[in-house]
Amino acid sequence: MSSNDIPIAPNSTGPSSIDLNSDASVTEWTRKLDVSEAQLREAVAAVGDRATDVEMHLKGSRSTTNEEQVRKTGS
């Protein structure tokens, strides 16, 4: 078994799932995705526990262009 086959946390459904009931899983995913626990929990609530979906949700919520920022300020 390679290290890629080992789930991140015990009782996890696999390395591509985020188990919010496991402290080890939450710690690992907040580190990997560079987010707070609250941000991780919000993302999982919004899109489910599939890591790729959570990552895309988080990237989408953090990525903006200068044009988008200008529109927000109404300038």
PDB file of N, CA and C in Angstrom:
ATOM      1  N   MET A   1       0.856  -1.184   0.000  1.00  0.00           N
ATOM      2  CA  MET A   1       0.000   0.000   0.000  1.00  0.00           C
ATOM      3  C   MET A   1       0.891   1.232   0.000  1.00  0.00           C
ATOM      4  N   SER A   2       0.667   2.153  -0.919  1.00  0.00           N
ATOM      5  CA  SER A   2       1.450   3.384  -0.956  1.00  0.00           C
ATOM      6  C   SER A   2       0.849   4.406  -0.011  1.00  0.00           C
ATOM      7  N   SER A   3       1.621   5.451   0.277  1.00  0.00           N
ATOM      8  CA  SER A   3       1.121   6.482   1.188  1.00  0.00           C
ATOM      9  C   SER A   3      -0.091   7.200   0.610  1.00  0.00           C
ATOM     10  N   ASN A   4      -0.273   7.162  -0.703  1.00  0.00           N
ATOM     11  CA  ASN A   4      -1.435   7.791  -1.335  1.00  0.00           C
ATOM     12  C   ASN A   4      -2.726   7.015  -1.084  1.00  0.00           C
ATOM     13  N   ASP A   5      -2.590   5.739  -0.685  1.00  0.00           N
ATOM     14  CA  ASP A   5      -3.758   4.901  -0.445  1.00  0.00           C
ATOM     15  C   ASP A   5      -4.266   4.990   0.985  1.00  0.00           C
ATOM     16  N   ILE A   6      -3.531   5.653   1.848  1.00  0.00           N
ATOM     17  CA  ILE A   6      -3.898   5.723   3.254  1.00  0.00           C
ATOM     18  C   ILE A   6      -4.832   6.909   3.480  1.00  0.00           C
ATOM     19  N   PRO A   7      -6.001   6.656   4.061  1.00  0.00           N
ATOM     20  CA  PRO A   7      -6.908   7.772   4.356  1.00  0.00           C
ATOM     21  C   PRO A   7      -6.244   8.766   5.301  1.00  0.00           C
ATOM     22  N   ILE A   8      -6.648  10.002   5.195  1.00  0.00           N
ATOM     23  CA  ILE A   8      -6.064  11.049   6.018  1.00  0.00           C
ATOM     24  C   ILE A   8      -6.372  10.836   7.494  1.00  0.00           C
ATOM     25  N   ALA A   9      -7.527  10.367   7.802  1.00  0.00           N
ATOM     26  CA  ALA A   9      -7.903  10.175   9.201  1.00  0.00           C
ATOM     27  C   ALA A   9      -8.632   8.846   9.350  1.00  0.00           C
ATOM     28  N   PRO A  10      -8.553   8.264  10.528  1.00  0.00           N
ATOM     29  CA  PRO A  10      -9.313   7.026  10.750  1.00  0.00           C
ATOM     30  C   PRO A  10     -10.798   7.258  10.491  1.00  0.00           C
ATOM     31  N   ASN A  11     -11.458   6.259   9.983  1.00  0.00           N
ATOM     32  CA  ASN A  11     -12.888   6.306   9.682  1.00  0.00           C
ATOM     33  C   ASN A  11     -13.225   7.227   8.521  1.00  0.00           C
ATOM     34  N   SER A  12     -12.230   7.767   7.880  1.00  0.00           N
ATOM     35  CA  SER A  12     -12.474   8.606   6.710  1.00  0.00           C
ATOM     36  C   SER A  12     -12.907   7.715   5.560  1.00  0.00           C
ATOM     37  N   THR A  13     -13.691   8.265   4.658  1.00  0.00           N
ATOM     38  CA  THR A  13     -14.136   7.475   3.514  1.00  0.00           C
ATOM     39  C   THR A  13     -13.073   7.425   2.435  1.00  0.00           C
ATOM     40  N   GLY A  14     -12.001   8.131   2.609  1.00  0.00           N
ATOM     41  CA  GLY A  14     -10.906   8.112   1.662  1.00  0.00           C
ATOM     42  C   GLY A  14     -10.204   9.448   1.628  1.00  0.00           C
ATOM     43  N   PRO A  15      -9.062   9.486   0.976  1.00  0.00           N
ATOM     44  CA  PRO A  15      -8.283  10.719   0.956  1.00  0.00           C
ATOM     45  C   PRO A  15      -8.966  11.863   0.229  1.00  0.00           C
ATOM     46  N   SER A  16     -10.007  11.588  -0.534  1.00  0.00           N
ATOM     47  CA  SER A  16     -10.672  12.664  -1.248  1.00  0.00           C
ATOM     48  C   SER A  16     -11.900  13.191  -0.508  1.00  0.00           C
ATOM     49  N   SER A  17     -12.139  12.693   0.707  1.00  0.00           N
ATOM     50  CA  SER A  17     -13.262  13.157   1.515  1.00  0.00           C
ATOM     51  C   SER A  17     -12.766  13.876   2.753  1.00  0.00           C
ATOM     52  N   ILE A  18     -13.513  14.860   3.177  1.00  0.00           N
ATOM     53  CA  ILE A  18     -13.171  15.626   4.370  1.00  0.00           C
ATOM     54  C   ILE A  18     -14.129  15.214   5.477  1.00  0.00           C
ATOM     55  N   ASP A  19     -13.577  14.619   6.523  1.00  0.00           N
ATOM     56  CA  ASP A  19     -14.378  14.144   7.647  1.00  0.00           C
ATOM     57  C   ASP A  19     -14.332  15.193   8.757  1.00  0.00           C
ATOM     58  N   LEU A  20     -15.401  15.982   8.877  1.00  0.00           N
ATOM     59  CA  LEU A  20     -15.439  17.039   9.879  1.00  0.00           C
ATOM     60  C   LEU A  20     -15.587  16.498  11.296  1.00  0.00           C
ATOM     61  N   ASN A  21     -15.865  15.208  11.444  1.00  0.00           N
ATOM     62  CA  ASN A  21     -15.975  14.595  12.769  1.00  0.00           C
ATOM     63  C   ASN A  21     -14.623  14.124  13.289  1.00  0.00           C
ATOM     64  N   SER A  22     -13.592  14.228  12.467  1.00  0.00           N
ATOM     65  CA  SER A  22     -12.256  13.794  12.854  1.00  0.00           C
ATOM     66  C   SER A  22     -11.347  15.014  12.997  1.00  0.00           C
ATOM     67  N   ASP A  23     -10.835  15.211  14.212  1.00  0.00           N
ATOM     68  CA  ASP A  23      -9.917  16.335  14.426  1.00  0.00           C
ATOM     69  C   ASP A  23      -8.698  16.243  13.520  1.00  0.00           C
ATOM     70  N   ALA A  24      -8.195  15.031  13.319  1.00  0.00           N
ATOM     71  CA  ALA A  24      -7.019  14.845  12.465  1.00  0.00           C
ATOM     72  C   ALA A  24      -7.322  15.254  11.024  1.00  0.00           C
ATOM     73  N   SER A  25      -8.490  14.884  10.536  1.00  0.00           N
ATOM     74  CA  SER A  25      -8.885  15.235   9.178  1.00  0.00           C
ATOM     75  C   SER A  25      -9.048  16.745   9.035  1.00  0.00           C
ATOM     76  N   VAL A  26      -9.712  17.377   9.990  1.00  0.00           N
ATOM     77  CA  VAL A  26      -9.919  18.824   9.942  1.00  0.00           C
ATOM     78  C   VAL A  26      -8.574  19.542   9.959  1.00  0.00           C
ATOM     79  N   THR A  27      -7.680  19.115  10.836  1.00  0.00           N
ATOM     80  CA  THR A  27      -6.356  19.729  10.919  1.00  0.00           C
ATOM     81  C   THR A  27      -5.602  19.578   9.602  1.00  0.00           C
ATOM     82  N   GLU A  28      -5.632  18.399   9.054  1.00  0.00           N
ATOM     83  CA  GLU A  28      -4.919  18.135   7.801  1.00  0.00           C
ATOM     84  C   GLU A  28      -5.472  18.974   6.654  1.00  0.00           C
ATOM     85  N   TRP A  29      -6.794  19.025   6.515  1.00  0.00           N
ATOM     86  CA  TRP A  29      -7.389  19.759   5.399  1.00  0.00           C
ATOM     87  C   TRP A  29      -7.259  21.273   5.558  1.00  0.00           C
ATOM     88  N   THR A  30      -7.336  21.781   6.783  1.00  0.00           N
ATOM     89  CA  THR A  30      -7.138  23.231   6.955  1.00  0.00           C
ATOM     90  C   THR A  30      -5.711  23.601   6.573  1.00  0.00           C
ATOM     91  N   ARG A  31      -4.765  22.713   6.882  1.00  0.00           N
ATOM     92  CA  ARG A  31      -3.364  22.957   6.505  1.00  0.00           C
ATOM     93  C   ARG A  31      -3.197  22.866   4.986  1.00  0.00           C
ATOM     94  N   LYS A  32      -3.728  21.813   4.394  1.00  0.00           N
ATOM     95  CA  LYS A  32      -3.579  21.610   2.946  1.00  0.00           C
ATOM     96  C   LYS A  32      -4.225  22.729   2.139  1.00  0.00           C
ATOM     97  N   LEU A  33      -5.390  23.176   2.583  1.00  0.00           N
ATOM     98  CA  LEU A  33      -6.137  24.188   1.831  1.00  0.00           C
ATOM     99  C   LEU A  33      -5.842  25.614   2.294  1.00  0.00           C
ATOM    100  N   ASP A  34      -5.043  25.739   3.359  1.00  0.00           N
ATOM    101  CA  ASP A  34      -4.649  27.042   3.904  1.00  0.00           C
ATOM    102  C   ASP A  34      -5.871  27.894   4.254  1.00  0.00           C
ATOM    103  N   VAL A  35      -6.761  27.298   5.052  1.00  0.00           N
ATOM    104  CA  VAL A  35      -7.979  27.976   5.491  1.00  0.00           C
ATOM    105  C   VAL A  35      -8.180  27.737   6.980  1.00  0.00           C
ATOM    106  N   SER A  36      -9.062  28.514   7.574  1.00  0.00           N
ATOM    107  CA  SER A  36      -9.410  28.294   8.977  1.00  0.00           C
ATOM    108  C   SER A  36     -10.400  27.130   9.073  1.00  0.00           C
ATOM    109  N   GLU A  37     -10.580  26.640  10.289  1.00  0.00           N
ATOM    110  CA  GLU A  37     -11.558  25.568  10.489  1.00  0.00           C
ATOM    111  C   GLU A  37     -12.957  26.051  10.127  1.00  0.00           C
ATOM    112  N   ALA A  38     -13.270  27.291  10.477  1.00  0.00           N
ATOM    113  CA  ALA A  38     -14.594  27.842  10.155  1.00  0.00           C
ATOM    114  C   ALA A  38     -14.803  27.900   8.642  1.00  0.00           C
ATOM    115  N   GLN A  39     -13.777  28.306   7.902  1.00  0.00           N
ATOM    116  CA  GLN A  39     -13.887  28.360   6.439  1.00  0.00           C
ATOM    117  C   GLN A  39     -14.084  26.955   5.871  1.00  0.00           C
ATOM    118  N   LEU A  40     -13.354  25.991   6.412  1.00  0.00           N
ATOM    119  CA  LEU A  40     -13.486  24.613   5.946  1.00  0.00           C
ATOM    120  C   LEU A  40     -14.901  24.094   6.207  1.00  0.00           C
ATOM    121  N   ARG A  41     -15.411  24.325   7.397  1.00  0.00           N
ATOM    122  CA  ARG A  41     -16.756  23.856   7.747  1.00  0.00           C
ATOM    123  C   ARG A  41     -17.828  24.527   6.875  1.00  0.00           C
ATOM    124  N   GLU A  42     -17.657  25.812   6.598  1.00  0.00           N
ATOM    125  CA  GLU A  42     -18.614  26.527   5.737  1.00  0.00           C
ATOM    126  C   GLU A  42     -18.589  25.942   4.333  1.00  0.00           C
ATOM    127  N   ALA A  43     -17.391  25.670   3.842  1.00  0.00           N
ATOM    128  CA  ALA A  43     -17.266  25.129   2.484  1.00  0.00           C
ATOM    129  C   ALA A  43     -17.890  23.739   2.392  1.00  0.00           C
ATOM    130  N   VAL A  44     -17.648  22.893   3.389  1.00  0.00           N
ATOM    131  CA  VAL A  44     -18.243  21.553   3.386  1.00  0.00           C
ATOM    132  C   VAL A  44     -19.767  21.651   3.472  1.00  0.00           C
ATOM    133  N   ALA A  45     -20.270  22.579   4.275  1.00  0.00           N
ATOM    134  CA  ALA A  45     -21.722  22.771   4.371  1.00  0.00           C
ATOM    135  C   ALA A  45     -22.298  23.228   3.032  1.00  0.00           C
ATOM    136  N   ALA A  46     -21.532  24.015   2.290  1.00  0.00           N
ATOM    137  CA  ALA A  46     -22.018  24.560   1.020  1.00  0.00           C
ATOM    138  C   ALA A  46     -21.974  23.548  -0.123  1.00  0.00           C
ATOM    139  N   VAL A  47     -20.893  22.733  -0.181  1.00  0.00           N
ATOM    140  CA  VAL A  47     -20.718  21.877  -1.360  1.00  0.00           C
ATOM    141  C   VAL A  47     -20.547  20.386  -1.062  1.00  0.00           C
ATOM    142  N   GLY A  48     -20.545  20.010   0.206  1.00  0.00           N
ATOM    143  CA  GLY A  48     -20.360  18.598   0.545  1.00  0.00           C
ATOM    144  C   GLY A  48     -18.925  18.308   0.944  1.00  0.00           C
ATOM    145  N   ASP A  49     -18.639  17.035   1.254  1.00  0.00           N
ATOM    146  CA  ASP A  49     -17.334  16.684   1.813  1.00  0.00           C
ATOM    147  C   ASP A  49     -16.292  16.244   0.796  1.00  0.00           C
ATOM    148  N   ARG A  50     -16.600  16.302  -0.468  1.00  0.00           N
ATOM    149  CA  ARG A  50     -15.643  15.919  -1.504  1.00  0.00           C
ATOM    150  C   ARG A  50     -14.557  16.987  -1.605  1.00  0.00           C
ATOM    151  N   ALA A  51     -13.319  16.601  -1.376  1.00  0.00           N
ATOM    152  CA  ALA A  51     -12.206  17.547  -1.271  1.00  0.00           C
ATOM    153  C   ALA A  51     -12.062  18.430  -2.508  1.00  0.00           C
ATOM    154  N   THR A  52     -12.231  17.879  -3.690  1.00  0.00           N
ATOM    155  CA  THR A  52     -12.070  18.692  -4.898  1.00  0.00           C
ATOM    156  C   THR A  52     -13.152  19.765  -4.989  1.00  0.00           C
ATOM    157  N   ASP A  53     -14.365  19.426  -4.579  1.00  0.00           N
ATOM    158  CA  ASP A  53     -15.452  20.411  -4.593  1.00  0.00           C
ATOM    159  C   ASP A  53     -15.191  21.517  -3.563  1.00  0.00           C
ATOM    160  N   VAL A  54     -14.716  21.116  -2.391  1.00  0.00           N
ATOM    161  CA  VAL A  54     -14.409  22.094  -1.343  1.00  0.00           C
ATOM    162  C   VAL A  54     -13.293  23.024  -1.809  1.00  0.00           C
ATOM    163  N   GLU A  55     -12.259  22.462  -2.409  1.00  0.00           N
ATOM    164  CA  GLU A  55     -11.145  23.270  -2.888  1.00  0.00           C
ATOM    165  C   GLU A  55     -11.613  24.277  -3.947  1.00  0.00           C
ATOM    166  N   MET A  56     -12.425  23.829  -4.876  1.00  0.00           N
ATOM    167  CA  MET A  56     -12.921  24.748  -5.918  1.00  0.00           C
ATOM    168  C   MET A  56     -13.805  25.836  -5.309  1.00  0.00           C
ATOM    169  N   HIS A  57     -14.626  25.474  -4.342  1.00  0.00           N
ATOM    170  CA  HIS A  57     -15.478  26.447  -3.671  1.00  0.00           C
ATOM    171  C   HIS A  57     -14.611  27.501  -2.974  1.00  0.00           C
ATOM    172  N   LEU A  58     -13.589  27.039  -2.265  1.00  0.00           N
ATOM    173  CA  LEU A  58     -12.717  27.976  -1.548  1.00  0.00           C
ATOM    174  C   LEU A  58     -11.932  28.855  -2.508  1.00  0.00           C
ATOM    175  N   LYS A  59     -11.429  28.290  -3.571  1.00  0.00           N
ATOM    176  CA  LYS A  59     -10.689  29.090  -4.557  1.00  0.00           C
ATOM    177  C   LYS A  59     -11.596  30.125  -5.188  1.00  0.00           C
ATOM    178  N   GLY A  60     -12.820  29.735  -5.477  1.00  0.00           N
ATOM    179  CA  GLY A  60     -13.764  30.666  -6.082  1.00  0.00           C
ATOM    180  C   GLY A  60     -14.119  31.798  -5.147  1.00  0.00           C
ATOM    181  N   SER A  61     -14.199  31.516  -3.859  1.00  0.00           N
ATOM    182  CA  SER A  61     -14.578  32.559  -2.912  1.00  0.00           C
ATOM    183  C   SER A  61     -13.416  33.485  -2.586  1.00  0.00           C
ATOM    184  N   ARG A  62     -12.186  33.044  -2.879  1.00  0.00           N
ATOM    185  CA  ARG A  62     -11.032  33.877  -2.558  1.00  0.00           C
ATOM    186  C   ARG A  62     -10.439  34.554  -3.781  1.00  0.00           C
ATOM    187  N   SER A  63     -10.777  34.085  -4.968  1.00  0.00           N
ATOM    188  CA  SER A  63     -10.143  34.642  -6.148  1.00  0.00           C
ATOM    189  C   SER A  63     -11.013  35.733  -6.757  1.00  0.00           C
ATOM    190  N   THR A  64     -10.436  36.887  -6.895  1.00  0.00           N
ATOM    191  CA  THR A  64     -11.116  37.989  -7.553  1.00  0.00           C
ATOM    192  C   THR A  64     -10.105  38.737  -8.398  1.00  0.00           C
ATOM    193  N   THR A  65     -10.590  39.366  -9.415  1.00  0.00           N
ATOM    194  CA  THR A  65      -9.718  40.187 -10.233  1.00  0.00           C
ATOM    195  C   THR A  65      -9.810  41.630  -9.758  1.00  0.00           C
ATOM    196  N   ASN A  66      -8.888  42.444 -10.200  1.00  0.00           N
ATOM    197  CA  ASN A  66      -8.923  43.856  -9.848  1.00  0.00           C
ATOM    198  C   ASN A  66     -10.222  44.479 -10.344  1.00  0.00           C
ATOM    199  N   GLU A  67     -10.669  44.095 -11.533  1.00  0.00           N
ATOM    200  CA  GLU A  67     -11.911  44.629 -12.089  1.00  0.00           C
ATOM    201  C   GLU A  67     -13.102  44.327 -11.177  1.00  0.00           C
ATOM    202  N   GLU A  68     -13.141  43.099 -10.639  1.00  0.00           N
ATOM    203  CA  GLU A  68     -14.220  42.744  -9.730  1.00  0.00           C
ATOM    204  C   GLU A  68     -14.168  43.582  -8.453  1.00  0.00           C
ATOM    205  N   GLN A  69     -12.973  43.833  -7.948  1.00  0.00           N
ATOM    206  CA  GLN A  69     -12.829  44.645  -6.740  1.00  0.00           C
ATOM    207  C   GLN A  69     -13.281  46.074  -6.997  1.00  0.00           C
ATOM    208  N   VAL A  70     -12.961  46.620  -8.165  1.00  0.00           N
ATOM    209  CA  VAL A  70     -13.379  47.981  -8.508  1.00  0.00           C
ATOM    210  C   VAL A  70     -14.902  48.056  -8.581  1.00  0.00           C
ATOM    211  N   ARG A  71     -15.527  47.053  -9.191  1.00  0.00           N
ATOM    212  CA  ARG A  71     -16.996  47.016  -9.280  1.00  0.00           C
ATOM    213  C   ARG A  71     -17.627  46.984  -7.888  1.00  0.00           C
ATOM    214  N   LYS A  72     -17.040  46.225  -6.982  1.00  0.00           N
ATOM    215  CA  LYS A  72     -17.580  46.141  -5.621  1.00  0.00           C
ATOM    216  C   LYS A  72     -17.585  47.492  -4.909  1.00  0.00           C
ATOM    217  N   THR A  73     -16.555  48.287  -5.157  1.00  0.00           N
ATOM    218  CA  THR A  73     -16.455  49.574  -4.478  1.00  0.00           C
ATOM    219  C   THR A  73     -17.314  50.633  -5.155  1.00  0.00           C
ATOM    220  N   GLY A  74     -17.811  50.355  -6.348  1.00  0.00           N
ATOM    221  CA  GLY A  74     -18.671  51.285  -7.062  1.00  0.00           C
ATOM    222  C   GLY A  74     -17.928  52.414  -7.750  1.00  0.00           C
ATOM    223  N   SER A  75     -16.627  52.272  -7.891  1.00  0.00           N
ATOM    224  CA  SER A  75     -15.825  53.318  -8.538  1.00  0.00           C
ATOM    225  C   SER A  75     -15.872  53.207 -10.042  1.00  0.00           C
TER     226      SER A  75
END
